[in-house]
Structure formats: C-alpha cells, structure tokens
C-alpha cells in the first residue's frame, strides 16, 4: 500500500502539474505525470503480483516513479526508471530520496529508444508513458516472460486504438480500464 508520505508527494506533484496546465504552458514546459488514481492502481497491481523487476518508460518528475518505487520496496525488487528530460529526472531523484526509496530505483537518463534494446532480463511489470507514437515500438522491445504485465497510459485521452489493436493481436490478455486517462493492462500469456 502507498504510505502517507508517498501520497503527499504525489499530491504535491499533481497540484503543480494542474497549475502548469492552467497556465497553458507549452507541452514541453509541463511536467507530464500520471494521474494519482492511475498511480494508486499501478502500485496496487505491481505490488499484487509481487513484481521484483519493474520498468517505467517516461517517469517525468516522479508520480509513477513513486508508485512503482513503493511497489519495489514491498517486493524487495528494483525499478528501472528511464526519462529523457534531465530536469524532470533530477526532481524525481530528489523526491525518491526524500521518501527513502533510492535503494529501490535505478534512474537512467536518456532516450529509451537507445536504452530499452540493451535490456535483456525479462521484467515482471512495465509502464509505458512516453511519446504516444512510440508505444508500439516499446511494447515490442520490452523483455518479457509469461505473466509479465505491461500498462500503457493515455489510452482513452489520446484514442490509442492502433496500440490497443497491435497489443491484442499478440498472445496476451489485455483490457482497457477507464482509470485516469485510460490504462491498457496487458498480461503476456506465454
């Protein structure tokens, strides 16, 4: 379960994201975080399956990193967090340190398109929350095993029907959930 300090930091980051949206800042200047309800869900799901090897592609300034780092704390596992934007990742690092989750999170700064192909050991859980046109490519690149869960955000808000069709054409079980901006939850069958 997410602890109160985790939720306080998630609320702080979310309030700032809403403030940035209200100011109508350019997309590149906004922190692009997962909604709190989605963070609660991915934390519960990753914790519930006992995920030890977790991956997030696109951590922004840290809401999903908090949720998955806390899940890794519960399973005594490790989250690999990939973010391309250095200032957002620096803030995420500070928050993770403040929450004493640093032992459960490995931060990688860079372009996930260059990093993910080098990851070889299968993950138990992965979150895709990056540029929407890259979702299908990352879905195919993430090392998986039977039982791996991959969650993709923004499915409903961005009408990502191509991603959903692509995923469901594989040997998987997959469902779209109306949580936050829409989550596609996919489990590899084998």
Protein backbone atom coordinates (compact mmCIF):
# COMPACT_ATOMS: atom_id res chain seq x y z
CA UNK A 1 0.00 0.00 0.00
CA UNK A 2 1.22 3.50 -0.73
CA UNK A 3 2.23 5.17 2.51
CA UNK A 4 1.03 8.63 3.55
CA UNK A 5 4.36 10.35 2.67
CA UNK A 6 4.14 8.77 -0.81
CA UNK A 7 0.64 10.16 -1.27
CA UNK A 8 1.67 13.61 -0.01
CA UNK A 9 4.43 13.80 -2.65
CA UNK A 10 2.08 12.52 -5.36
CA UNK A 11 -0.46 15.21 -4.40
CA UNK A 12 2.26 17.91 -4.48
CA UNK A 13 3.43 16.87 -7.95
CA UNK A 14 -0.12 16.60 -9.24
CA UNK A 15 -1.07 20.06 -7.92
CA UNK A 16 1.91 21.54 -9.73
CA UNK A 17 1.01 19.72 -12.96
CA UNK A 18 -2.54 21.14 -12.76
CA UNK A 19 -1.09 24.60 -12.13
CA UNK A 20 1.13 24.25 -15.21
CA UNK A 21 -1.87 23.16 -17.27
CA UNK A 22 -3.94 26.13 -16.02
CA UNK A 23 -1.17 28.50 -17.10
CA UNK A 24 -1.35 26.87 -20.55
CA UNK A 25 2.40 26.34 -20.65
CA UNK A 26 3.74 24.69 -23.76
CA UNK A 27 3.69 20.90 -23.57
CA UNK A 28 7.49 20.79 -23.49
CA UNK A 29 7.48 23.00 -20.36
CA UNK A 30 4.88 20.96 -18.47
CA UNK A 31 5.58 18.02 -16.25
CA UNK A 32 3.69 15.15 -17.80
CA UNK A 33 2.77 12.99 -14.85
CA UNK A 34 0.47 10.07 -14.33
CA UNK A 35 -2.81 10.86 -12.56
CA UNK A 36 -2.96 10.00 -8.84
CA UNK A 37 -5.72 7.39 -9.38
CA UNK A 38 -3.58 5.69 -12.04
CA UNK A 39 -0.58 5.80 -9.69
CA UNK A 40 -2.62 4.08 -6.97
CA UNK A 41 -3.74 1.45 -9.47
CA UNK A 42 -0.30 0.63 -10.90
CA UNK A 43 1.13 0.48 -7.38
CA UNK A 44 -1.58 -1.97 -6.27
CA UNK A 45 -1.19 -4.06 -9.42
CA UNK A 46 2.62 -4.25 -9.30
CA UNK A 47 2.51 -4.99 -5.57
CA UNK A 48 -0.26 -7.53 -6.01
CA UNK A 49 1.74 -9.59 -8.49
CA UNK A 50 4.88 -9.27 -6.36
CA UNK A 51 6.82 -7.64 -9.21
CA UNK A 52 10.55 -7.62 -8.47
CA UNK A 53 11.80 -6.28 -11.81
CA UNK A 54 9.91 -3.15 -12.80
CA UNK A 55 10.39 -0.73 -15.68
CA UNK A 56 8.97 2.68 -16.47
CA UNK A 57 9.49 4.37 -19.79
CA UNK A 58 8.82 8.06 -19.15
CA UNK A 59 8.94 8.91 -15.47
CA UNK A 60 8.61 12.70 -15.84
CA UNK A 61 9.05 14.32 -12.43
CA UNK A 62 8.04 11.27 -10.49
CA UNK A 63 4.41 10.33 -9.75
CA UNK A 64 4.72 6.93 -11.44
CA UNK A 65 8.24 6.56 -10.04
CA UNK A 66 6.89 6.97 -6.51
CA UNK A 67 4.13 4.41 -7.14
CA UNK A 68 6.42 1.82 -8.70
CA UNK A 69 9.33 2.52 -6.35
CA UNK A 70 6.98 1.88 -3.43
CA UNK A 71 5.89 -1.39 -5.08
CA UNK A 72 9.56 -2.38 -5.44
CA UNK A 73 10.05 -1.56 -1.74
CA UNK A 74 7.27 -4.02 -0.88
CA UNK A 75 8.65 -6.81 -3.09
CA UNK A 76 12.31 -6.09 -2.30
CA UNK A 77 12.70 -5.52 -6.02
CA UNK A 78 14.06 -2.79 -8.27
CA UNK A 79 12.51 -0.23 -10.61
CA UNK A 80 14.41 0.91 -13.69
CA UNK A 81 13.18 4.44 -14.45
CA UNK A 82 14.01 5.88 -17.88
CA UNK A 83 13.48 9.59 -18.54
CA UNK A 84 14.93 11.69 -21.36
CA UNK A 85 14.49 15.13 -19.74
CA UNK A 86 17.24 15.85 -17.15
CA UNK A 87 15.42 18.45 -15.02
CA UNK A 88 12.36 16.25 -14.60
CA UNK A 89 14.50 13.28 -13.64
CA UNK A 90 16.53 15.40 -11.20
CA UNK A 91 13.33 16.35 -9.41
CA UNK A 92 12.20 12.74 -9.39
CA UNK A 93 15.55 11.70 -7.86
CA UNK A 94 15.14 14.29 -5.09
CA UNK A 95 11.61 13.10 -4.31
CA UNK A 96 12.62 9.44 -4.31
CA UNK A 97 15.50 10.25 -1.94
CA UNK A 98 13.17 12.23 0.36
CA UNK A 99 10.86 9.19 0.50
CA UNK A 100 13.84 6.89 1.21
CA UNK A 101 13.07 4.84 -1.92
CA UNK A 102 16.50 5.33 -3.55
CA UNK A 103 17.54 1.71 -2.86
CA UNK A 104 14.62 0.52 -5.00
CA UNK A 105 15.03 2.77 -8.05
CA UNK A 106 17.74 2.82 -10.73
CA UNK A 107 17.49 6.02 -12.76
CA UNK A 108 18.64 6.06 -16.36
CA UNK A 109 18.78 9.42 -18.11
CA UNK A 110 18.48 9.15 -21.87
CA UNK A 111 16.42 8.16 -24.86
CA UNK A 112 14.55 4.94 -24.12
CA UNK A 113 14.79 4.03 -27.83
CA UNK A 114 18.53 3.55 -27.27
CA UNK A 115 18.29 2.07 -23.77
CA UNK A 116 15.46 -0.49 -23.90
CA UNK A 117 17.03 -2.63 -26.67
CA UNK A 118 20.00 -3.20 -24.34
CA UNK A 119 17.83 -4.52 -21.51
CA UNK A 120 17.94 -8.31 -21.68
CA UNK A 121 16.47 -9.78 -18.47
CA UNK A 122 12.65 -10.01 -18.54
CA UNK A 123 10.61 -7.61 -16.45
CA UNK A 124 7.66 -8.56 -14.26
CA UNK A 125 5.95 -5.20 -14.73
CA UNK A 126 6.40 -2.28 -17.15
CA UNK A 127 4.74 1.11 -17.58
CA UNK A 128 4.76 2.86 -20.94
CA UNK A 129 4.06 6.58 -20.55
CA UNK A 130 6.09 8.45 -23.16
CA UNK A 131 5.52 9.85 -26.65
CA UNK A 132 2.39 8.12 -27.90
CA UNK A 133 3.80 7.31 -31.36
CA UNK A 134 6.49 5.19 -29.63
CA UNK A 135 4.15 2.93 -27.64
CA UNK A 136 4.03 0.06 -30.15
CA UNK A 137 7.81 0.02 -30.61
CA UNK A 138 8.41 -0.07 -26.85
CA UNK A 139 5.77 -2.75 -26.36
CA UNK A 140 7.77 -4.93 -28.75
CA UNK A 141 11.17 -4.07 -27.21
CA UNK A 142 10.47 -4.70 -23.52
CA UNK A 143 11.94 -8.06 -22.42
CA UNK A 144 9.01 -10.16 -21.18
CA UNK A 145 8.18 -13.63 -19.92
CA UNK A 146 4.83 -15.38 -19.38
CA UNK A 147 2.99 -13.36 -16.76
CA UNK A 148 4.68 -10.02 -17.46
CA UNK A 149 2.26 -7.12 -17.07
CA UNK A 150 2.61 -4.06 -19.31
CA UNK A 151 0.48 -0.99 -18.59
CA UNK A 152 0.19 1.85 -21.11
CA UNK A 153 -1.22 5.23 -20.06
CA UNK A 154 -3.32 7.74 -22.05
CA UNK A 155 -5.22 5.10 -24.00
CA UNK A 156 -8.58 6.91 -23.84
CA UNK A 157 -7.39 10.53 -23.76
CA UNK A 158 -5.29 10.05 -26.90
CA UNK A 159 -7.55 7.47 -28.57
CA UNK A 160 -4.69 4.99 -28.99
CA UNK A 161 -6.68 2.42 -30.95
CA UNK A 162 -3.67 1.40 -33.06
CA UNK A 163 -1.73 0.49 -29.93
CA UNK A 164 -4.68 -1.44 -28.49
CA UNK A 165 -5.19 -3.33 -31.78
CA UNK A 166 -1.49 -4.13 -32.00
CA UNK A 167 -1.31 -5.42 -28.45
CA UNK A 168 -4.44 -7.52 -28.72
CA UNK A 169 -3.12 -9.23 -31.85
CA UNK A 170 -0.37 -10.83 -29.69
CA UNK A 171 -0.51 -13.79 -27.30
CA UNK A 172 -1.76 -11.67 -24.44
CA UNK A 173 -4.77 -10.90 -22.31
CA UNK A 174 -5.50 -7.18 -22.47
CA UNK A 175 -8.16 -4.78 -21.24
CA UNK A 176 -8.69 -1.03 -21.32
CA UNK A 177 -9.58 0.40 -17.92
CA UNK A 178 -11.18 3.87 -17.55
CA UNK A 179 -8.77 4.90 -14.79
CA UNK A 180 -7.15 8.31 -15.16
CA UNK A 181 -6.70 8.95 -18.87
CA UNK A 182 -7.22 5.27 -19.66
CA UNK A 183 -4.90 2.37 -18.95
CA UNK A 184 -4.34 -0.61 -21.22
CA UNK A 185 -3.38 -3.50 -18.94
CA UNK A 186 -1.74 -6.36 -20.82
CA UNK A 187 -0.60 -9.72 -19.44
CA UNK A 188 1.62 -11.99 -21.51
CA UNK A 189 0.12 -15.45 -21.81
CA UNK A 190 3.30 -17.17 -22.89
